[in-house]
C-alpha atoms as a PDB file:
ATOM      1  CA  UNK A   1      -0.498  15.906  23.796  1.00  0.00           C
ATOM      2  CA  UNK A   2      -0.429  12.507  25.509  1.00  0.00           C
ATOM      3  CA  UNK A   3       3.592  12.985  25.930  1.00  0.00           C
ATOM      4  CA  UNK A   4       3.284  16.448  27.637  1.00  0.00           C
ATOM      5  CA  UNK A   5       0.483  14.808  29.830  1.00  0.00           C
ATOM      6  CA  UNK A   6       2.680  12.307  30.586  1.00  0.00           C
ATOM      7  CA  UNK A   7       5.583  14.365  31.549  1.00  0.00           C
ATOM      8  CA  UNK A   8       3.551  16.552  33.259  1.00  0.00           C
ATOM      9  CA  UNK A   9       2.192  13.692  35.595  1.00  0.00           C
ATOM     10  CA  UNK A  10       5.994  11.761  36.171  1.00  0.00           C
ATOM     11  CA  UNK A  11       8.125  14.716  36.193  1.00  0.00           C
ATOM     12  CA  UNK A  12       7.124  16.487  39.477  1.00  0.00           C
ATOM     13  CA  UNK A  13       5.699  13.416  41.192  1.00  0.00           C
ATOM     14  CA  UNK A  14       8.635  11.633  41.584  1.00  0.00           C
ATOM     15  CA  UNK A  15      11.031  12.015  44.521  1.00  0.00           C
ATOM     16  CA  UNK A  16      14.795  12.894  43.558  1.00  0.00           C
ATOM     17  CA  UNK A  17      16.224  10.239  41.678  1.00  0.00           C
ATOM     18  CA  UNK A  18      19.871  10.323  42.018  1.00  0.00           C
ATOM     19  CA  UNK A  19      22.760   8.010  40.064  1.00  0.00           C
ATOM     20  CA  UNK A  20      25.238   6.299  41.814  1.00  0.00           C
ATOM     21  CA  UNK A  21      27.428   9.353  40.267  1.00  0.00           C
ATOM     22  CA  UNK A  22      25.198  11.934  42.010  1.00  0.00           C
ATOM     23  CA  UNK A  23      23.473  12.802  38.677  1.00  0.00           C
ATOM     24  CA  UNK A  24      19.857  13.713  38.390  1.00  0.00           C
ATOM     25  CA  UNK A  25      18.159  10.847  36.719  1.00  0.00           C
ATOM     26  CA  UNK A  26      15.529  12.564  33.821  1.00  0.00           C
ATOM     27  CA  UNK A  27      12.497  10.143  33.291  1.00  0.00           C
ATOM     28  CA  UNK A  28      11.689  10.527  29.442  1.00  0.00           C
ATOM     29  CA  UNK A  29       8.562   8.197  28.938  1.00  0.00           C
ATOM     30  CA  UNK A  30       6.801  11.160  27.313  1.00  0.00           C
ATOM     31  CA  UNK A  31       9.706  11.637  24.811  1.00  0.00           C
ATOM     32  CA  UNK A  32       9.529   7.848  24.148  1.00  0.00           C
ATOM     33  CA  UNK A  33       5.765   8.260  23.347  1.00  0.00           C
ATOM     34  CA  UNK A  34       6.488  10.603  20.903  1.00  0.00           C
ATOM     35  CA  UNK A  35       9.539   9.025  19.421  1.00  0.00           C
ATOM     36  CA  UNK A  36       7.441   5.781  18.568  1.00  0.00           C
ATOM     37  CA  UNK A  37       4.437   7.407  17.309  1.00  0.00           C
ATOM     38  CA  UNK A  38       6.301   9.926  15.209  1.00  0.00           C
ATOM     39  CA  UNK A  39       8.664   7.036  13.993  1.00  0.00           C
ATOM     40  CA  UNK A  40       5.827   4.873  12.932  1.00  0.00           C
ATOM     41  CA  UNK A  41       3.391   7.545  11.604  1.00  0.00           C
ATOM     42  CA  UNK A  42       5.956  10.262  10.202  1.00  0.00           C
ATOM     43  CA  UNK A  43       5.705   9.501   6.484  1.00  0.00           C
ATOM     44  CA  UNK A  44       1.746   9.568   6.918  1.00  0.00           C
ATOM     45  CA  UNK A  45       1.824  12.968   8.685  1.00  0.00           C
ATOM     46  CA  UNK A  46       1.170  16.350   6.881  1.00  0.00           C
ATOM     47  CA  UNK A  47       4.063  19.028   7.457  1.00  0.00           C
ATOM     48  CA  UNK A  48       1.868  20.756  10.303  1.00  0.00           C
ATOM     49  CA  UNK A  49       1.725  17.767  11.993  1.00  0.00           C
ATOM     50  CA  UNK A  50       5.160  17.064  11.890  1.00  0.00           C
ATOM     51  CA  UNK A  51       5.583  20.525  13.117  1.00  0.00           C
ATOM     52  CA  UNK A  52       3.342  19.678  16.075  1.00  0.00           C
ATOM     53  CA  UNK A  53       5.225  16.300  16.997  1.00  0.00           C
ATOM     54  CA  UNK A  54       8.534  18.140  16.695  1.00  0.00           C
ATOM     55  CA  UNK A  55       6.845  21.045  18.822  1.00  0.00           C
ATOM     56  CA  UNK A  56       5.791  18.549  21.079  1.00  0.00           C
ATOM     57  CA  UNK A  57       8.905  17.008  21.315  1.00  0.00           C
ATOM     58  CA  UNK A  58      10.809  20.272  21.941  1.00  0.00           C
ATOM     59  CA  UNK A  59       8.078  21.123  24.972  1.00  0.00           C
ATOM     60  CA  UNK A  60       8.411  17.840  26.349  1.00  0.00           C
ATOM     61  CA  UNK A  61      12.134  18.103  26.763  1.00  0.00           C
ATOM     62  CA  UNK A  62      11.928  21.373  28.571  1.00  0.00           C
ATOM     63  CA  UNK A  63       9.479  20.489  30.979  1.00  0.00           C
ATOM     64  CA  UNK A  64      11.151  17.407  31.615  1.00  0.00           C
ATOM     65  CA  UNK A  65      14.333  19.458  32.336  1.00  0.00           C
ATOM     66  CA  UNK A  66      12.378  22.040  34.319  1.00  0.00           C
ATOM     67  CA  UNK A  67      10.189  19.993  35.935  1.00  0.00           C
ATOM     68  CA  UNK A  68      12.195  16.753  37.518  1.00  0.00           C
ATOM     69  CA  UNK A  69      13.500  17.792  40.936  1.00  0.00           C
ATOM     70  CA  UNK A  70      16.888  17.416  41.906  1.00  0.00           C
ATOM     71  CA  UNK A  71      20.224  18.729  40.814  1.00  0.00           C
ATOM     72  CA  UNK A  72      20.416  20.038  37.342  1.00  0.00           C
ATOM     73  CA  UNK A  73      22.578  17.960  35.179  1.00  0.00           C
ATOM     74  CA  UNK A  74      23.365  18.335  31.738  1.00  0.00           C
ATOM     75  CA  UNK A  75      24.871  15.167  30.782  1.00  0.00           C
ATOM     76  CA  UNK A  76      22.287  13.237  32.668  1.00  0.00           C
ATOM     77  CA  UNK A  77      19.793  15.371  30.865  1.00  0.00           C
ATOM     78  CA  UNK A  78      21.230  14.701  27.650  1.00  0.00           C
ATOM     79  CA  UNK A  79      21.590  11.074  27.974  1.00  0.00           C
ATOM     80  CA  UNK A  80      17.847  10.782  29.151  1.00  0.00           C
ATOM     81  CA  UNK A  81      16.723  12.790  25.954  1.00  0.00           C
ATOM     82  CA  UNK A  82      18.989  10.107  23.936  1.00  0.00           C
ATOM     83  CA  UNK A  83      17.676   7.690  25.592  1.00  0.00           C
ATOM     84  CA  UNK A  84      13.650   8.916  25.030  1.00  0.00           C
ATOM     85  CA  UNK A  85      14.308   9.692  21.210  1.00  0.00           C
ATOM     86  CA  UNK A  86      15.957   6.398  20.814  1.00  0.00           C
ATOM     87  CA  UNK A  87      13.139   4.702  19.465  1.00  0.00           C
ATOM     88  CA  UNK A  88      12.666   7.291  16.569  1.00  0.00           C
ATOM     89  CA  UNK A  89      15.094   5.907  13.762  1.00  0.00           C
ATOM     90  CA  UNK A  90      14.266   2.617  14.574  1.00  0.00           C
ATOM     91  CA  UNK A  91      10.301   2.995  14.471  1.00  0.00           C
ATOM     92  CA  UNK A  92      10.776   4.993  11.118  1.00  0.00           C
ATOM     93  CA  UNK A  93      12.885   2.069   9.730  1.00  0.00           C
ATOM     94  CA  UNK A  94      10.120  -0.073  10.611  1.00  0.00           C
ATOM     95  CA  UNK A  95       7.474   2.177   9.252  1.00  0.00           C
ATOM     96  CA  UNK A  96       9.398   2.455   5.895  1.00  0.00           C
ATOM     97  CA  UNK A  97      10.087  -1.240   5.681  1.00  0.00           C
ATOM     98  CA  UNK A  98       6.107  -1.658   6.065  1.00  0.00           C
ATOM     99  CA  UNK A  99       5.424   0.644   3.710  1.00  0.00           C
ATOM    100  CA  UNK A 100       7.615  -0.833   1.054  1.00  0.00           C
ATOM    101  CA  UNK A 101       6.392  -4.170   1.824  1.00  0.00           C
ATOM    102  CA  UNK A 102       2.765  -2.965   1.494  1.00  0.00           C
ATOM    103  CA  UNK A 103       3.502  -1.602  -2.081  1.00  0.00           C
ATOM    104  CA  UNK A 104       5.348  -4.523  -3.326  1.00  0.00           C
ATOM    105  CA  UNK A 105       2.230  -6.682  -2.078  1.00  0.00           C
ATOM    106  CA  UNK A 106       0.016  -4.300  -3.947  1.00  0.00           C
ATOM    107  CA  UNK A 107       2.113  -4.704  -6.749  1.00  0.00           C
ATOM    108  CA  UNK A 108       1.966  -8.150  -7.142  1.00  0.00           C
ATOM    109  CA  UNK A 109      -1.925  -7.955  -6.614  1.00  0.00           C
ATOM    110  CA  UNK A 110      -2.403  -5.542  -9.276  1.00  0.00           C
ATOM    111  CA  UNK A 111      -0.098  -7.909 -11.597  1.00  0.00           C
ATOM    112  CA  UNK A 112      -2.162 -10.928 -10.414  1.00  0.00           C
ATOM    113  CA  UNK A 113      -5.253  -9.357 -11.360  1.00  0.00           C
ATOM    114  CA  UNK A 114      -3.964  -7.979 -14.508  1.00  0.00           C
ATOM    115  CA  UNK A 115      -2.772 -11.474 -15.305  1.00  0.00           C
ATOM    116  CA  UNK A 116      -6.130 -13.093 -14.424  1.00  0.00           C
ATOM    117  CA  UNK A 117      -7.800 -10.600 -16.739  1.00  0.00           C
ATOM    118  CA  UNK A 118      -5.936 -11.468 -19.635  1.00  0.00           C
ATOM    119  CA  UNK A 119      -6.231 -15.099 -19.155  1.00  0.00           C
ATOM    120  CA  UNK A 120     -10.049 -14.074 -18.748  1.00  0.00           C
ATOM    121  CA  UNK A 121     -10.019 -12.332 -21.903  1.00  0.00           C
ATOM    122  CA  UNK A 122      -8.241 -14.812 -23.846  1.00  0.00           C
ATOM    123  CA  UNK A 123     -10.357 -17.482 -22.681  1.00  0.00           C
ATOM    124  CA  UNK A 124     -13.261 -15.610 -23.564  1.00  0.00           C
ATOM    125  CA  UNK A 125     -12.145 -14.741 -26.699  1.00  0.00           C
ATOM    126  CA  UNK A 126     -11.428 -18.230 -27.679  1.00  0.00           C
ATOM    127  CA  UNK A 127     -14.875 -19.142 -26.672  1.00  0.00           C
ATOM    128  CA  UNK A 128     -16.521 -16.800 -29.096  1.00  0.00           C
ATOM    129  CA  UNK A 129     -14.029 -17.814 -31.797  1.00  0.00           C
ATOM    130  CA  UNK A 130     -15.540 -21.367 -31.129  1.00  0.00           C
ATOM    131  CA  UNK A 131     -19.119 -20.412 -31.402  1.00  0.00           C
ATOM    132  CA  UNK A 132     -18.545 -18.316 -34.343  1.00  0.00           C
ATOM    133  CA  UNK A 133     -17.044 -20.974 -35.989  1.00  0.00           C
ATOM    134  CA  UNK A 134     -20.463 -23.349 -34.638  1.00  0.00           C
ATOM    135  CA  UNK A 135     -22.807 -20.591 -36.038  1.00  0.00           C
ATOM    136  CA  UNK A 136     -20.728 -20.601 -39.659  1.00  0.00           C
ATOM    137  CA  UNK A 137     -20.504 -24.401 -39.776  1.00  0.00           C
ATOM    138  CA  UNK A 138     -24.661 -24.503 -38.741  1.00  0.00           C
ATOM    139  CA  UNK A 139     -25.276 -21.756 -41.531  1.00  0.00           C
ATOM    140  CA  UNK A 140     -23.117 -23.850 -44.056  1.00  0.00           C
ATOM    141  CA  UNK A 141     -25.138 -26.864 -43.097  1.00  0.00           C
ATOM    142  CA  UNK A 142     -28.382 -25.028 -43.534  1.00  0.00           C
ATOM    143  CA  UNK A 143     -27.334 -23.283 -46.685  1.00  0.00           C
ATOM    144  CA  UNK A 144     -26.747 -26.773 -47.855  1.00  0.00           C
ATOM    145  CA  UNK A 145     -30.020 -27.832 -46.874  1.00  0.00           C
ATOM    146  CA  UNK A 146     -31.984 -25.229 -48.715  1.00  0.00           C
ATOM    147  CA  UNK A 147     -29.260 -23.886 -51.408  1.00  0.00           C
ATOM    148  CA  UNK A 148     -31.421 -25.658 -54.347  1.00  0.00           C
ATOM    149  CA  UNK A 149     -34.724 -23.470 -53.230  1.00  0.00           C
ATOM    150  CA  UNK A 150     -32.625 -19.898 -53.068  1.00  0.00           C
ATOM    151  CA  UNK A 151     -31.603 -17.616 -56.091  1.00  0.00           C
ATOM    152  CA  UNK A 152     -28.581 -18.352 -57.458  1.00  0.00           C
ATOM    153  CA  UNK A 153     -27.209 -14.744 -56.525  1.00  0.00           C
ATOM    154  CA  UNK A 154     -28.205 -15.303 -52.752  1.00  0.00           C
ATOM    155  CA  UNK A 155     -26.544 -18.262 -52.663  1.00  0.00           C
ATOM    156  CA  UNK A 156     -23.578 -16.554 -54.092  1.00  0.00           C
ATOM    157  CA  UNK A 157     -23.692 -13.552 -51.666  1.00  0.00           C
ATOM    158  CA  UNK A 158     -24.307 -16.259 -48.832  1.00  0.00           C
ATOM    159  CA  UNK A 159     -21.200 -18.140 -49.747  1.00  0.00           C
ATOM    160  CA  UNK A 160     -19.083 -15.339 -50.070  1.00  0.00           C
ATOM    161  CA  UNK A 161     -19.883 -14.153 -46.463  1.00  0.00           C
ATOM    162  CA  UNK A 162     -19.153 -17.581 -45.231  1.00  0.00           C
ATOM    163  CA  UNK A 163     -16.018 -17.290 -47.088  1.00  0.00           C
ATOM    164  CA  UNK A 164     -15.238 -13.775 -45.302  1.00  0.00           C
ATOM    165  CA  UNK A 165     -16.169 -15.608 -41.850  1.00  0.00           C
ATOM    166  CA  UNK A 166     -13.433 -18.205 -42.696  1.00  0.00           C
ATOM    167  CA  UNK A 167     -10.979 -15.762 -43.806  1.00  0.00           C
ATOM    168  CA  UNK A 168     -11.519 -13.672 -40.335  1.00  0.00           C
ATOM    169  CA  UNK A 169     -11.533 -16.852 -37.916  1.00  0.00           C
ATOM    170  CA  UNK A 170      -8.321 -18.007 -39.497  1.00  0.00           C
ATOM    171  CA  UNK A 171      -6.583 -14.522 -39.077  1.00  0.00           C
ATOM    172  CA  UNK A 172      -7.944 -14.349 -35.558  1.00  0.00           C
ATOM    173  CA  UNK A 173      -7.045 -18.039 -34.883  1.00  0.00           C
ATOM    174  CA  UNK A 174      -3.136 -17.317 -36.320  1.00  0.00           C
ATOM    175  CA  UNK A 175      -3.286 -13.603 -34.347  1.00  0.00           C
ATOM    176  CA  UNK A 176      -3.040 -15.706 -30.688  1.00  0.00           C
END
């Protein structure tokens, strides 16, 4: 819409602009606006919005041709059209490059976060294993202190459980 308004405002208000060769000079400011905006946001536009941009480009080109005062010159019109639309491929390339860089940065950030999560998990697991080891050692010390007052079956059961804790801690230590 802005491009159409720019074309509507600039073309009729100009005096006849003629090149040294005698060709009419077509002002393609509206097309440049569309080329920049369409090129930079092309990948983010829906199909309907792309159709609107293409339609606005055709309308703007038509208005530029019809509203520019002076003798009609197809060669000059095509040159103005090409000049107005020239930024489009460059803007699309820049937009694609920025999108690719953003995807790479996102992937690197995700990998870094996952790596930090794995490290934190590993450190947390190690802390838990150390705490379980300390609890086991404390349980052994307490068992040794009260073993004479306990029933032999209970002492044997506690000893068996502590040995099971030892085996599990050993397996987990070797799993790392």
